[in-house]
Amino acid sequence: MSKNTKEEKLTFEEALNKLETIVESMENGDLALEDLVTQFEEGDALLKYCNKRLKDAELKIEKLKEGTNNQFEPFAETSE
């Protein structure tokens, strides 16, 4: 994907919701062939975008774990 595509302006959650909507509309079978192809192309771009965002998040987590020697402190309990 090139920079400044409409997918890159979406949050991961928005892209995932949009992808789910596309899949549902394709599963209904009510789309004309041309619309089906267009939906498939858009869904493919969204899927690639979501996979990239997940990979990026995974890499960030791995880097954080390396910086802490894989030892995280548990959250302190707060009394409210």
Protein backbone atom coordinates (compact mmCIF):
# COMPACT_ATOMS: atom_id res chain seq x y z
CA MET A 1 0.00 0.00 0.00
CA SER A 2 1.23 3.44 -0.76
CA LYS A 3 1.29 6.19 1.83
CA ASN A 4 -1.82 8.30 2.39
CA THR A 5 -4.28 5.56 1.42
CA LYS A 6 -7.65 5.67 3.08
CA GLU A 7 -6.84 2.50 5.07
CA GLU A 8 -3.87 4.20 6.72
CA LYS A 9 -6.18 6.88 8.13
CA LEU A 10 -8.27 4.25 9.95
CA THR A 11 -7.54 2.89 13.38
CA PHE A 12 -6.99 -0.84 13.59
CA GLU A 13 -10.43 -1.28 15.13
CA GLU A 14 -12.14 0.76 12.41
CA ALA A 15 -10.36 -1.20 9.69
CA LEU A 16 -11.29 -4.50 11.32
CA ASN A 17 -14.95 -3.49 11.67
CA LYS A 18 -15.03 -2.41 8.04
CA LEU A 19 -13.45 -5.69 6.98
CA GLU A 20 -16.04 -7.64 8.98
CA THR A 21 -18.83 -5.67 7.29
CA ILE A 22 -17.38 -6.44 3.86
CA VAL A 23 -17.11 -10.15 4.66
CA GLU A 24 -20.73 -10.22 5.84
CA SER A 25 -21.97 -8.50 2.68
CA MET A 26 -19.97 -10.92 0.52
CA GLU A 27 -21.34 -13.92 2.44
CA ASN A 28 -24.92 -12.75 1.86
CA GLY A 29 -24.46 -13.35 -1.85
CA ASP A 30 -26.58 -10.35 -2.83
CA LEU A 31 -23.80 -8.45 -4.60
CA ALA A 32 -23.42 -8.12 -8.33
CA LEU A 33 -20.16 -9.54 -9.68
CA GLU A 34 -18.62 -6.10 -10.21
CA ASP A 35 -19.51 -5.06 -6.66
CA LEU A 36 -18.19 -8.35 -5.33
CA VAL A 37 -14.82 -7.77 -7.00
CA THR A 38 -14.68 -4.21 -5.66
CA GLN A 39 -15.54 -5.43 -2.15
CA PHE A 40 -12.92 -8.16 -2.43
CA GLU A 41 -10.24 -5.66 -3.43
CA GLU A 42 -11.14 -3.33 -0.57
CA GLY A 43 -11.24 -6.24 1.87
CA ASP A 44 -7.84 -7.44 0.68
CA ALA A 45 -6.33 -3.99 1.27
CA LEU A 46 -7.92 -3.81 4.74
CA LEU A 47 -6.66 -7.28 5.61
CA LYS A 48 -3.10 -6.36 4.62
CA TYR A 49 -3.37 -3.14 6.65
CA CYS A 50 -4.65 -4.99 9.75
CA ASN A 51 -1.92 -7.62 9.44
CA LYS A 52 0.72 -4.89 9.19
CA ARG A 53 -0.63 -3.11 12.26
CA LEU A 54 -0.65 -6.39 14.22
CA LYS A 55 2.93 -7.17 13.16
CA ASP A 56 4.04 -3.68 14.17
CA ALA A 57 2.40 -4.06 17.58
CA GLU A 58 3.97 -7.48 18.03
CA LEU A 59 7.43 -6.07 17.25
CA LYS A 60 6.94 -3.23 19.72
CA ILE A 61 5.93 -5.68 22.43
CA GLU A 62 8.97 -7.86 21.71
CA LYS A 63 11.25 -4.81 21.95
CA LEU A 64 9.65 -3.82 25.25
CA LYS A 65 10.11 -7.34 26.58
CA GLU A 66 13.78 -7.31 25.56
CA GLY A 67 14.30 -4.04 27.40
CA THR A 68 12.90 -5.51 30.61
CA ASN A 69 14.57 -8.92 30.31
CA ASN A 70 11.10 -10.42 29.83
CA GLN A 71 10.18 -9.63 33.43
CA PHE A 72 7.15 -7.47 33.92
CA GLU A 73 6.02 -6.22 37.27
CA PRO A 74 2.40 -6.99 38.16
CA PHE A 75 0.07 -4.03 38.37
CA ALA A 76 -0.26 -2.63 41.86
CA GLU A 77 -3.68 -3.10 43.33
CA THR A 78 -5.45 0.15 44.03
CA SER A 79 -8.15 0.60 46.59
CA GLU A 80 -10.94 2.88 45.48
